[in-house]
C-alpha atoms as a PDB file:
ATOM      1  CA  MET A   1       0.000   0.000   0.000  1.00  0.00           C
ATOM      2  CA  LYS A   2       2.896   2.348   0.776  1.00  0.00           C
ATOM      3  CA  LYS A   3       4.462   1.745  -2.633  1.00  0.00           C
ATOM      4  CA  LEU A   4       1.138   2.474  -4.317  1.00  0.00           C
ATOM      5  CA  ALA A   5       0.837   5.778  -2.442  1.00  0.00           C
ATOM      6  CA  ILE A   6       4.351   6.773  -3.491  1.00  0.00           C
ATOM      7  CA  GLY A   7       3.459   5.948  -7.109  1.00  0.00           C
ATOM      8  CA  PHE A   8       0.450   8.275  -6.988  1.00  0.00           C
ATOM      9  CA  VAL A   9       2.571  11.078  -5.528  1.00  0.00           C
ATOM     10  CA  LEU A  10       5.145  10.723  -8.320  1.00  0.00           C
ATOM     11  CA  MET A  11       2.415  10.593 -10.968  1.00  0.00           C
ATOM     12  CA  PHE A  12       0.749  13.781  -9.747  1.00  0.00           C
ATOM     13  CA  SER A  13       4.114  15.531  -9.353  1.00  0.00           C
ATOM     14  CA  ALA A  14       4.965  14.725 -12.976  1.00  0.00           C
ATOM     15  CA  ALA A  15       1.555  15.955 -14.112  1.00  0.00           C
ATOM     16  CA  GLY A  16       2.042  19.203 -12.220  1.00  0.00           C
ATOM     17  CA  ALA A  17       5.471  19.722 -13.739  1.00  0.00           C
ATOM     18  CA  ALA A  18       4.062  19.148 -17.229  1.00  0.00           C
ATOM     19  CA  ALA A  19       1.258  21.644 -16.609  1.00  0.00           C
ATOM     20  CA  ASP A  20       3.785  24.243 -15.399  1.00  0.00           C
ATOM     21  CA  TYR A  21       5.917  23.593 -18.493  1.00  0.00           C
ATOM     22  CA  TYR A  22       3.165  24.553 -20.910  1.00  0.00           C
ATOM     23  CA  LYS A  23       1.449  27.384 -19.055  1.00  0.00           C
ATOM     24  CA  SER A  24       2.269  31.037 -19.689  1.00  0.00           C
ATOM     25  CA  GLN A  25       5.421  32.269 -17.966  1.00  0.00           C
ATOM     26  CA  VAL A  26       6.431  35.898 -17.424  1.00  0.00           C
ATOM     27  CA  TYR A  27      10.007  37.200 -17.288  1.00  0.00           C
ATOM     28  CA  GLU A  28      11.680  40.502 -16.537  1.00  0.00           C
ATOM     29  CA  VAL A  29      14.857  41.143 -18.537  1.00  0.00           C
ATOM     30  CA  THR A  30      17.115  43.895 -17.159  1.00  0.00           C
ATOM     31  CA  ILE A  31      19.852  45.083 -19.524  1.00  0.00           C
ATOM     32  CA  THR A  32      22.702  47.300 -18.282  1.00  0.00           C
ATOM     33  CA  ASN A  33      25.030  49.172 -20.646  1.00  0.00           C
ATOM     34  CA  LEU A  34      28.602  48.411 -19.498  1.00  0.00           C
ATOM     35  CA  THR A  35      30.451  50.664 -21.960  1.00  0.00           C
ATOM     36  CA  LYS A  36      32.204  53.904 -21.032  1.00  0.00           C
ATOM     37  CA  ALA A  37      30.536  56.292 -23.503  1.00  0.00           C
ATOM     38  CA  SER A  38      28.436  54.330 -26.013  1.00  0.00           C
ATOM     39  CA  GLN A  39      24.652  54.155 -26.315  1.00  0.00           C
ATOM     40  CA  PHE A  40      22.340  51.328 -27.324  1.00  0.00           C
ATOM     41  CA  THR A  41      19.567  52.154 -29.776  1.00  0.00           C
ATOM     42  CA  PRO A  42      16.054  50.702 -29.186  1.00  0.00           C
ATOM     43  CA  ILE A  43      16.461  47.102 -28.033  1.00  0.00           C
ATOM     44  CA  LEU A  44      14.283  44.485 -29.727  1.00  0.00           C
ATOM     45  CA  ALA A  45      13.822  41.484 -27.424  1.00  0.00           C
ATOM     46  CA  ALA A  46      11.804  38.353 -28.153  1.00  0.00           C
ATOM     47  CA  THR A  47      10.922  34.977 -26.679  1.00  0.00           C
ATOM     48  CA  HIS A  48      10.832  32.225 -29.279  1.00  0.00           C
ATOM     49  CA  ARG A  49      11.356  28.585 -30.194  1.00  0.00           C
ATOM     50  CA  ALA A  50      14.869  27.183 -30.164  1.00  0.00           C
ATOM     51  CA  SER A  51      14.743  26.587 -33.926  1.00  0.00           C
ATOM     52  CA  ILE A  52      15.272  30.287 -34.777  1.00  0.00           C
ATOM     53  CA  SER A  53      17.849  32.927 -33.879  1.00  0.00           C
ATOM     54  CA  TYR A  54      18.654  36.533 -34.770  1.00  0.00           C
ATOM     55  CA  PHE A  55      21.876  35.598 -36.575  1.00  0.00           C
ATOM     56  CA  GLN A  56      24.526  32.931 -37.126  1.00  0.00           C
ATOM     57  CA  LEU A  57      28.172  33.771 -36.534  1.00  0.00           C
ATOM     58  CA  GLY A  58      30.175  33.434 -39.728  1.00  0.00           C
ATOM     59  CA  GLU A  59      27.069  33.848 -41.906  1.00  0.00           C
ATOM     60  CA  PRO A  60      25.777  36.990 -43.695  1.00  0.00           C
ATOM     61  CA  ALA A  61      23.426  39.179 -41.705  1.00  0.00           C
ATOM     62  CA  SER A  62      19.780  39.253 -42.740  1.00  0.00           C
ATOM     63  CA  ALA A  63      18.480  42.509 -44.222  1.00  0.00           C
ATOM     64  CA  GLY A  64      16.681  43.237 -40.954  1.00  0.00           C
ATOM     65  CA  LEU A  65      19.742  42.625 -38.795  1.00  0.00           C
ATOM     66  CA  ALA A  66      21.923  44.761 -41.103  1.00  0.00           C
ATOM     67  CA  LEU A  67      19.431  47.649 -40.975  1.00  0.00           C
ATOM     68  CA  MET A  68      19.323  47.451 -37.181  1.00  0.00           C
ATOM     69  CA  ALA A  69      23.137  47.339 -36.908  1.00  0.00           C
ATOM     70  CA  GLU A  70      23.688  50.272 -39.281  1.00  0.00           C
ATOM     71  CA  ASP A  71      20.718  52.522 -38.470  1.00  0.00           C
ATOM     72  CA  GLY A  72      19.184  51.323 -35.208  1.00  0.00           C
ATOM     73  CA  ASP A  73      15.900  50.582 -36.982  1.00  0.00           C
ATOM     74  CA  VAL A  74      14.417  47.306 -35.690  1.00  0.00           C
ATOM     75  CA  SER A  75      11.215  47.330 -37.765  1.00  0.00           C
ATOM     76  CA  LEU A  76      12.453  45.024 -40.543  1.00  0.00           C
ATOM     77  CA  LEU A  77      14.084  42.637 -38.068  1.00  0.00           C
ATOM     78  CA  ALA A  78      10.766  42.447 -36.207  1.00  0.00           C
ATOM     79  CA  GLU A  79       8.989  41.611 -39.472  1.00  0.00           C
ATOM     80  CA  GLU A  80      11.504  38.857 -40.250  1.00  0.00           C
ATOM     81  CA  LEU A  81      11.014  37.295 -36.826  1.00  0.00           C
ATOM     82  CA  THR A  82       7.215  37.538 -36.983  1.00  0.00           C
ATOM     83  CA  ALA A  83       7.238  35.848 -40.394  1.00  0.00           C
ATOM     84  CA  THR A  84       8.789  32.713 -38.893  1.00  0.00           C
ATOM     85  CA  GLY A  85       5.645  32.084 -36.840  1.00  0.00           C
ATOM     86  CA  LYS A  86       7.891  30.950 -33.974  1.00  0.00           C
ATOM     87  CA  VAL A  87       7.923  34.066 -31.797  1.00  0.00           C
ATOM     88  CA  LEU A  88       5.653  34.193 -28.756  1.00  0.00           C
ATOM     89  CA  ASP A  89       6.283  37.698 -27.455  1.00  0.00           C
ATOM     90  CA  ALA A  90       8.389  40.765 -28.225  1.00  0.00           C
ATOM     91  CA  ALA A  91       9.323  43.991 -26.467  1.00  0.00           C
ATOM     92  CA  ASN A  92      10.980  47.230 -27.584  1.00  0.00           C
ATOM     93  CA  SER A  93      12.937  49.318 -25.083  1.00  0.00           C
ATOM     94  CA  ALA A  94      11.749  52.493 -26.849  1.00  0.00           C
ATOM     95  CA  ASP A  95       8.365  51.892 -25.214  1.00  0.00           C
ATOM     96  CA  VAL A  96      10.050  52.080 -21.801  1.00  0.00           C
ATOM     97  CA  LEU A  97      12.794  54.665 -22.293  1.00  0.00           C
ATOM     98  CA  GLY A  98      10.733  57.360 -24.003  1.00  0.00           C
ATOM     99  CA  SER A  99      12.609  60.145 -25.821  1.00  0.00           C
ATOM    100  CA  PRO A 100      15.416  59.808 -26.689  1.00  0.00           C
ATOM    101  CA  PRO A 101      15.000  56.014 -26.822  1.00  0.00           C
ATOM    102  CA  LEU A 102      18.672  55.360 -26.074  1.00  0.00           C
ATOM    103  CA  LEU A 103      20.272  53.353 -23.275  1.00  0.00           C
ATOM    104  CA  PHE A 104      23.264  55.407 -22.176  1.00  0.00           C
ATOM    105  CA  ALA A 105      26.478  54.136 -20.574  1.00  0.00           C
ATOM    106  CA  GLY A 106      25.832  52.873 -17.061  1.00  0.00           C
ATOM    107  CA  GLN A 107      22.057  52.882 -17.431  1.00  0.00           C
ATOM    108  CA  SER A 108      19.648  49.935 -17.240  1.00  0.00           C
ATOM    109  CA  VAL A 109      16.267  49.136 -18.733  1.00  0.00           C
ATOM    110  CA  THR A 110      13.839  46.356 -17.820  1.00  0.00           C
ATOM    111  CA  LEU A 111      11.630  44.624 -20.382  1.00  0.00           C
ATOM    112  CA  ARG A 112       8.765  42.240 -19.626  1.00  0.00           C
ATOM    113  CA  LEU A 113       8.074  39.237 -21.856  1.00  0.00           C
ATOM    114  CA  GLU A 114       5.884  36.144 -21.814  1.00  0.00           C
ATOM    115  CA  THR A 115       6.675  32.652 -23.032  1.00  0.00           C
ATOM    116  CA  ASP A 116       5.934  29.004 -22.367  1.00  0.00           C
ATOM    117  CA  GLY A 117       7.975  25.832 -22.126  1.00  0.00           C
ATOM    118  CA  ARG A 118       7.886  25.238 -25.882  1.00  0.00           C
ATOM    119  CA  ARG A 119       9.428  28.633 -26.627  1.00  0.00           C
ATOM    120  CA  ALA A 120      11.897  28.909 -23.781  1.00  0.00           C
ATOM    121  CA  ARG A 121      14.550  30.978 -25.564  1.00  0.00           C
ATOM    122  CA  LEU A 122      15.393  34.684 -25.363  1.00  0.00           C
ATOM    123  CA  SER A 123      17.117  36.950 -27.870  1.00  0.00           C
ATOM    124  CA  PHE A 124      17.668  40.679 -28.122  1.00  0.00           C
ATOM    125  CA  ALA A 125      19.707  43.097 -30.209  1.00  0.00           C
ATOM    126  CA  ALA A 126      20.417  46.823 -30.511  1.00  0.00           C
ATOM    127  CA  MET A 127      22.893  48.978 -32.431  1.00  0.00           C
ATOM    128  CA  ILE A 128      25.880  50.336 -30.517  1.00  0.00           C
ATOM    129  CA  LEU A 129      26.397  54.068 -31.076  1.00  0.00           C
ATOM    130  CA  PRO A 130      28.647  55.454 -32.363  1.00  0.00           C
ATOM    131  CA  THR A 131      29.733  52.617 -34.669  1.00  0.00           C
ATOM    132  CA  ASN A 132      29.257  51.759 -38.328  1.00  0.00           C
ATOM    133  CA  ASP A 133      27.476  48.435 -37.879  1.00  0.00           C
ATOM    134  CA  SER A 134      28.195  47.017 -34.434  1.00  0.00           C
ATOM    135  CA  PHE A 135      25.446  45.760 -32.157  1.00  0.00           C
ATOM    136  CA  VAL A 136      24.909  44.245 -28.728  1.00  0.00           C
ATOM    137  CA  ALA A 137      23.016  40.959 -28.563  1.00  0.00           C
ATOM    138  CA  LEU A 138      21.987  37.824 -26.774  1.00  0.00           C
ATOM    139  CA  ASN A 139      21.227  35.183 -29.348  1.00  0.00           C
ATOM    140  CA  SER A 140      18.806  32.370 -28.430  1.00  0.00           C
ATOM    141  CA  VAL A 141      19.808  31.805 -24.798  1.00  0.00           C
ATOM    142  CA  ARG A 142      17.816  29.599 -22.432  1.00  0.00           C
ATOM    143  CA  LEU A 143      15.363  31.142 -20.030  1.00  0.00           C
ATOM    144  CA  PRO A 144      15.577  29.915 -16.428  1.00  0.00           C
ATOM    145  CA  ARG A 145      12.772  27.563 -15.410  1.00  0.00           C
ATOM    146  CA  TYR A 146      12.697  29.256 -11.997  1.00  0.00           C
ATOM    147  CA  GLY A 147      14.469  32.135 -10.272  1.00  0.00           C
ATOM    148  CA  SER A 148      16.958  34.212 -12.243  1.00  0.00           C
ATOM    149  CA  ARG A 149      20.033  33.914 -14.410  1.00  0.00           C
ATOM    150  CA  VAL A 150      22.759  36.431 -15.270  1.00  0.00           C
ATOM    151  CA  TYR A 151      24.252  36.715 -18.756  1.00  0.00           C
ATOM    152  CA  THR A 152      26.898  38.963 -20.284  1.00  0.00           C
ATOM    153  CA  ALA A 153      26.168  40.203 -23.798  1.00  0.00           C
ATOM    154  CA  LEU A 154      28.842  40.758 -26.430  1.00  0.00           C
ATOM    155  CA  GLY A 155      29.224  43.352 -29.138  1.00  0.00           C
ATOM    156  CA  TYR A 156      29.007  41.929 -32.660  1.00  0.00           C
ATOM    157  CA  ASP A 157      29.684  43.336 -36.118  1.00  0.00           C
ATOM    158  CA  ALA A 158      27.045  42.761 -38.802  1.00  0.00           C
ATOM    159  CA  GLY A 159      29.712  42.763 -41.519  1.00  0.00           C
ATOM    160  CA  SER A 160      27.413  44.839 -43.724  1.00  0.00           C
ATOM    161  CA  GLU A 161      29.330  48.141 -43.746  1.00  0.00           C
ATOM    162  CA  PRO A 162      33.013  49.109 -43.682  1.00  0.00           C
ATOM    163  CA  ASN A 163      34.258  50.151 -40.246  1.00  0.00           C
ATOM    164  CA  ASP A 164      35.661  53.490 -41.379  1.00  0.00           C
ATOM    165  CA  GLU A 165      34.532  55.289 -38.185  1.00  0.00           C
ATOM    166  CA  TRP A 166      33.641  58.430 -40.134  1.00  0.00           C
ATOM    167  CA  CYS A 167      30.717  60.345 -38.679  1.00  0.00           C
ATOM    168  CA  ALA A 168      29.226  60.815 -42.155  1.00  0.00           C
ATOM    169  CA  ASN A 169      28.414  57.093 -42.091  1.00  0.00           C
ATOM    170  CA  ILE A 170      27.237  56.851 -38.466  1.00  0.00           C
ATOM    171  CA  PRO A 171      23.831  58.002 -37.167  1.00  0.00           C
ATOM    172  CA  GLY A 172      22.992  59.136 -33.652  1.00  0.00           C
ATOM    173  CA  PRO A 173      23.513  62.141 -31.382  1.00  0.00           C
ATOM    174  CA  ARG A 174      27.321  62.125 -31.544  1.00  0.00           C
ATOM    175  CA  CYS A 175      27.671  61.898 -35.330  1.00  0.00           C
ATOM    176  CA  GLY A 176      24.304  62.562 -36.967  1.00  0.00           C
ATOM    177  CA  GLY A 177      25.394  60.903 -40.192  1.00  0.00           C
ATOM    178  CA  GLN A 178      23.758  58.457 -42.588  1.00  0.00           C
ATOM    179  CA  GLY A 179      22.809  55.122 -41.139  1.00  0.00           C
ATOM    180  CA  ALA A 180      21.995  52.374 -43.617  1.00  0.00           C
ATOM    181  CA  SER A 181      24.325  52.371 -46.625  1.00  0.00           C
ATOM    182  CA  PRO A 182      23.299  49.446 -48.874  1.00  0.00           C
ATOM    183  CA  GLU A 183      25.657  50.495 -51.639  1.00  0.00           C
ATOM    184  CA  GLU A 184      28.680  49.546 -49.534  1.00  0.00           C
ATOM    185  CA  ASP A 185      29.934  46.139 -48.437  1.00  0.00           C
ATOM    186  CA  GLY A 186      31.643  45.194 -45.211  1.00  0.00           C
ATOM    187  CA  GLU A 187      33.230  41.910 -44.217  1.00  0.00           C
ATOM    188  CA  GLY A 188      30.210  39.990 -45.443  1.00  0.00           C
ATOM    189  CA  PHE A 189      29.509  37.940 -42.298  1.00  0.00           C
ATOM    190  CA  VAL A 190      28.523  38.447 -38.658  1.00  0.00           C
ATOM    191  CA  HIS A 191      31.456  38.276 -36.264  1.00  0.00           C
ATOM    192  CA  VAL A 192      32.521  39.372 -32.796  1.00  0.00           C
ATOM    193  CA  ALA A 193      33.327  43.098 -32.896  1.00  0.00           C
ATOM    194  CA  ASN A 194      36.618  44.479 -31.617  1.00  0.00           C
ATOM    195  CA  GLY A 195      35.713  48.003 -30.535  1.00  0.00           C
ATOM    196  CA  MET A 196      36.691  51.395 -31.946  1.00  0.00           C
ATOM    197  CA  HIS A 197      40.203  52.277 -33.063  1.00  0.00           C
ATOM    198  CA  GLY A 198      40.264  56.037 -33.652  1.00  0.00           C
ATOM    199  CA  ILE A 199      40.840  55.792 -37.402  1.00  0.00           C
ATOM    200  CA  GLY A 200      38.093  58.285 -38.305  1.00  0.00           C
ATOM    201  CA  ASP A 201      36.282  61.047 -36.429  1.00  0.00           C
ATOM    202  CA  LEU A 202      35.909  59.248 -33.107  1.00  0.00           C
ATOM    203  CA  PRO A 203      38.751  59.210 -30.550  1.00  0.00           C
ATOM    204  CA  ALA A 204      39.460  55.714 -29.279  1.00  0.00           C
ATOM    205  CA  GLU A 205      40.225  56.963 -25.770  1.00  0.00           C
ATOM    206  CA  THR A 206      36.567  57.992 -25.486  1.00  0.00           C
ATOM    207  CA  TYR A 207      34.611  55.579 -27.651  1.00  0.00           C
ATOM    208  CA  ASP A 208      36.582  52.337 -27.664  1.00  0.00           C
ATOM    209  CA  TRP A 209      35.011  49.368 -25.852  1.00  0.00           C
ATOM    210  CA  ARG A 210      35.787  45.745 -25.171  1.00  0.00           C
ATOM    211  CA  ASN A 211      33.513  42.773 -24.570  1.00  0.00           C
ATOM    212  CA  PRO A 212      31.279  42.186 -22.790  1.00  0.00           C
ATOM    213  CA  VAL A 213      29.258  45.364 -23.376  1.00  0.00           C
ATOM    214  CA  ALA A 214      26.118  44.549 -21.357  1.00  0.00           C
ATOM    215  CA  ARG A 215      25.001  42.700 -18.245  1.00  0.00           C
ATOM    216  CA  VAL A 216      21.654  40.947 -18.485  1.00  0.00           C
ATOM    217  CA  VAL A 217      19.594  39.671 -15.567  1.00  0.00           C
ATOM    218  CA  VAL A 218      16.694  37.408 -16.585  1.00  0.00           C
ATOM    219  CA  ARG A 219      14.178  36.737 -13.804  1.00  0.00           C
ATOM    220  CA  ARG A 220      11.027  34.694 -13.893  1.00  0.00           C
ATOM    221  CA  VAL A 221       8.266  36.634 -12.127  1.00  0.00           C
ATOM    222  CA  ARG A 222       5.345  34.299 -12.835  1.00  0.00           C
END
Protein backbone atom coordinates (compact mmCIF):
# COMPACT_ATOMS: atom_id res chain seq x y z
CA MET A 1 0.00 0.00 0.00
CA LYS A 2 2.90 2.35 0.78
CA LYS A 3 4.46 1.75 -2.63
CA LEU A 4 1.14 2.47 -4.32
CA ALA A 5 0.84 5.78 -2.44
CA ILE A 6 4.35 6.77 -3.49
CA GLY A 7 3.46 5.95 -7.11
CA PHE A 8 0.45 8.27 -6.99
CA VAL A 9 2.57 11.08 -5.53
CA LEU A 10 5.15 10.72 -8.32
CA MET A 11 2.41 10.59 -10.97
CA PHE A 12 0.75 13.78 -9.75
CA SER A 13 4.11 15.53 -9.35
CA ALA A 14 4.96 14.73 -12.98
CA ALA A 15 1.55 15.95 -14.11
CA GLY A 16 2.04 19.20 -12.22
CA ALA A 17 5.47 19.72 -13.74
CA ALA A 18 4.06 19.15 -17.23
CA ALA A 19 1.26 21.64 -16.61
CA ASP A 20 3.79 24.24 -15.40
CA TYR A 21 5.92 23.59 -18.49
CA TYR A 22 3.17 24.55 -20.91
CA LYS A 23 1.45 27.38 -19.06
CA SER A 24 2.27 31.04 -19.69
CA GLN A 25 5.42 32.27 -17.97
CA VAL A 26 6.43 35.90 -17.42
CA TYR A 27 10.01 37.20 -17.29
CA GLU A 28 11.68 40.50 -16.54
CA VAL A 29 14.86 41.14 -18.54
CA THR A 30 17.12 43.90 -17.16
CA ILE A 31 19.85 45.08 -19.52
CA THR A 32 22.70 47.30 -18.28
CA ASN A 33 25.03 49.17 -20.65
CA LEU A 34 28.60 48.41 -19.50
CA THR A 35 30.45 50.66 -21.96
CA LYS A 36 32.20 53.90 -21.03
CA ALA A 37 30.54 56.29 -23.50
CA SER A 38 28.44 54.33 -26.01
CA GLN A 39 24.65 54.16 -26.32
CA PHE A 40 22.34 51.33 -27.32
CA THR A 41 19.57 52.15 -29.78
CA PRO A 42 16.05 50.70 -29.19
CA ILE A 43 16.46 47.10 -28.03
CA LEU A 44 14.28 44.49 -29.73
CA ALA A 45 13.82 41.48 -27.42
CA ALA A 46 11.80 38.35 -28.15
CA THR A 47 10.92 34.98 -26.68
CA HIS A 48 10.83 32.22 -29.28
CA ARG A 49 11.36 28.59 -30.19
CA ALA A 50 14.87 27.18 -30.16
CA SER A 51 14.74 26.59 -33.93
CA ILE A 52 15.27 30.29 -34.78
CA SER A 53 17.85 32.93 -33.88
CA TYR A 54 18.65 36.53 -34.77
CA PHE A 55 21.88 35.60 -36.58
CA GLN A 56 24.53 32.93 -37.13
CA LEU A 57 28.17 33.77 -36.53
CA GLY A 58 30.17 33.43 -39.73
CA GLU A 59 27.07 33.85 -41.91
CA PRO A 60 25.78 36.99 -43.70
CA ALA A 61 23.43 39.18 -41.70
CA SER A 62 19.78 39.25 -42.74
CA ALA A 63 18.48 42.51 -44.22
CA GLY A 64 16.68 43.24 -40.95
CA LEU A 65 19.74 42.62 -38.79
CA ALA A 66 21.92 44.76 -41.10
CA LEU A 67 19.43 47.65 -40.97
CA MET A 68 19.32 47.45 -37.18
CA ALA A 69 23.14 47.34 -36.91
CA GLU A 70 23.69 50.27 -39.28
CA ASP A 71 20.72 52.52 -38.47
CA GLY A 72 19.18 51.32 -35.21
CA ASP A 73 15.90 50.58 -36.98
CA VAL A 74 14.42 47.31 -35.69
CA SER A 75 11.21 47.33 -37.76
CA LEU A 76 12.45 45.02 -40.54
CA LEU A 77 14.08 42.64 -38.07
CA ALA A 78 10.77 42.45 -36.21
CA GLU A 79 8.99 41.61 -39.47
CA GLU A 80 11.50 38.86 -40.25
CA LEU A 81 11.01 37.29 -36.83
CA THR A 82 7.22 37.54 -36.98
CA ALA A 83 7.24 35.85 -40.39
CA THR A 84 8.79 32.71 -38.89
CA GLY A 85 5.64 32.08 -36.84
CA LYS A 86 7.89 30.95 -33.97
CA VAL A 87 7.92 34.07 -31.80
CA LEU A 88 5.65 34.19 -28.76
CA ASP A 89 6.28 37.70 -27.46
CA ALA A 90 8.39 40.76 -28.22
CA ALA A 91 9.32 43.99 -26.47
CA ASN A 92 10.98 47.23 -27.58
CA SER A 93 12.94 49.32 -25.08
CA ALA A 94 11.75 52.49 -26.85
CA ASP A 95 8.37 51.89 -25.21
CA VAL A 96 10.05 52.08 -21.80
CA LEU A 97 12.79 54.66 -22.29
CA GLY A 98 10.73 57.36 -24.00
CA SER A 99 12.61 60.14 -25.82
CA PRO A 100 15.42 59.81 -26.69
CA PRO A 101 15.00 56.01 -26.82
CA LEU A 102 18.67 55.36 -26.07
CA LEU A 103 20.27 53.35 -23.28
CA PHE A 104 23.26 55.41 -22.18
CA ALA A 105 26.48 54.14 -20.57
CA GLY A 106 25.83 52.87 -17.06
CA GLN A 107 22.06 52.88 -17.43
CA SER A 108 19.65 49.94 -17.24
CA VAL A 109 16.27 49.14 -18.73
CA THR A 110 13.84 46.36 -17.82
CA LEU A 111 11.63 44.62 -20.38
CA ARG A 112 8.77 42.24 -19.63
CA LEU A 113 8.07 39.24 -21.86
CA GLU A 114 5.88 36.14 -21.81
CA THR A 115 6.67 32.65 -23.03
CA ASP A 116 5.93 29.00 -22.37
CA GLY A 117 7.98 25.83 -22.13
CA ARG A 118 7.89 25.24 -25.88
CA ARG A 119 9.43 28.63 -26.63
CA ALA A 120 11.90 28.91 -23.78
CA ARG A 121 14.55 30.98 -25.56
CA LEU A 122 15.39 34.68 -25.36
CA SER A 123 17.12 36.95 -27.87
CA PHE A 124 17.67 40.68 -28.12
CA ALA A 125 19.71 43.10 -30.21
CA ALA A 126 20.42 46.82 -30.51
CA MET A 127 22.89 48.98 -32.43
CA ILE A 128 25.88 50.34 -30.52
CA LEU A 129 26.40 54.07 -31.08
CA PRO A 130 28.65 55.45 -32.36
CA THR A 131 29.73 52.62 -34.67
CA ASN A 132 29.26 51.76 -38.33
CA ASP A 133 27.48 48.43 -37.88
CA SER A 134 28.19 47.02 -34.43
CA PHE A 135 25.45 45.76 -32.16
CA VAL A 136 24.91 44.24 -28.73
CA ALA A 137 23.02 40.96 -28.56
CA LEU A 138 21.99 37.82 -26.77
CA ASN A 139 21.23 35.18 -29.35
CA SER A 140 18.81 32.37 -28.43
CA VAL A 141 19.81 31.81 -24.80
CA ARG A 142 17.82 29.60 -22.43
CA LEU A 143 15.36 31.14 -20.03
CA PRO A 144 15.58 29.91 -16.43
CA ARG A 145 12.77 27.56 -15.41
CA TYR A 146 12.70 29.26 -12.00
CA GLY A 147 14.47 32.13 -10.27
CA SER A 148 16.96 34.21 -12.24
CA ARG A 149 20.03 33.91 -14.41
CA VAL A 150 22.76 36.43 -15.27
CA TYR A 151 24.25 36.72 -18.76
CA THR A 152 26.90 38.96 -20.28
CA ALA A 153 26.17 40.20 -23.80
CA LEU A 154 28.84 40.76 -26.43
CA GLY A 155 29.22 43.35 -29.14
CA TYR A 156 29.01 41.93 -32.66
CA ASP A 157 29.68 43.34 -36.12
CA ALA A 158 27.05 42.76 -38.80
CA GLY A 159 29.71 42.76 -41.52
CA SER A 160 27.41 44.84 -43.72
CA GLU A 161 29.33 48.14 -43.75
CA PRO A 162 33.01 49.11 -43.68
CA ASN A 163 34.26 50.15 -40.25
CA ASP A 164 35.66 53.49 -41.38
CA GLU A 165 34.53 55.29 -38.19
CA TRP A 166 33.64 58.43 -40.13
CA CYS A 167 30.72 60.35 -38.68
CA ALA A 168 29.23 60.82 -42.15
CA ASN A 169 28.41 57.09 -42.09
CA ILE A 170 27.24 56.85 -38.47
CA PRO A 171 23.83 58.00 -37.17
CA GLY A 172 22.99 59.14 -33.65
CA PRO A 173 23.51 62.14 -31.38
CA ARG A 174 27.32 62.13 -31.54
CA CYS A 175 27.67 61.90 -35.33
CA GLY A 176 24.30 62.56 -36.97
CA GLY A 177 25.39 60.90 -40.19
CA GLN A 178 23.76 58.46 -42.59
CA GLY A 179 22.81 55.12 -41.14
CA ALA A 180 21.99 52.37 -43.62
CA SER A 181 24.33 52.37 -46.62
CA PRO A 182 23.30 49.45 -48.87
CA GLU A 183 25.66 50.50 -51.64
CA GLU A 184 28.68 49.55 -49.53
CA ASP A 185 29.93 46.14 -48.44
CA GLY A 186 31.64 45.19 -45.21
CA GLU A 187 33.23 41.91 -44.22
CA GLY A 188 30.21 39.99 -45.44
CA PHE A 189 29.51 37.94 -42.30
CA VAL A 190 28.52 38.45 -38.66
CA HIS A 191 31.46 38.28 -36.26
CA VAL A 192 32.52 39.37 -32.80
CA ALA A 193 33.33 43.10 -32.90
CA ASN A 194 36.62 44.48 -31.62
CA GLY A 195 35.71 48.00 -30.53
CA MET A 196 36.69 51.40 -31.95
CA HIS A 197 40.20 52.28 -33.06
CA GLY A 198 40.26 56.04 -33.65
CA ILE A 199 40.84 55.79 -37.40
CA GLY A 200 38.09 58.28 -38.31
CA ASP A 201 36.28 61.05 -36.43
CA LEU A 202 35.91 59.25 -33.11
CA PRO A 203 38.75 59.21 -30.55
CA ALA A 204 39.46 55.71 -29.28
CA GLU A 205 40.23 56.96 -25.77
CA THR A 206 36.57 57.99 -25.49
CA TYR A 207 34.61 55.58 -27.65
CA ASP A 208 36.58 52.34 -27.66
CA TRP A 209 35.01 49.37 -25.85
CA ARG A 210 35.79 45.75 -25.17
CA ASN A 211 33.51 42.77 -24.57
CA PRO A 212 31.28 42.19 -22.79
CA VAL A 213 29.26 45.36 -23.38
CA ALA A 214 26.12 44.55 -21.36
CA ARG A 215 25.00 42.70 -18.25
CA VAL A 216 21.65 40.95 -18.48
CA VAL A 217 19.59 39.67 -15.57
CA VAL A 218 16.69 37.41 -16.58
CA ARG A 219 14.18 36.74 -13.80
CA ARG A 220 11.03 34.69 -13.89
CA VAL A 221 8.27 36.63 -12.13
CA ARG A 222 5.35 34.30 -12.83
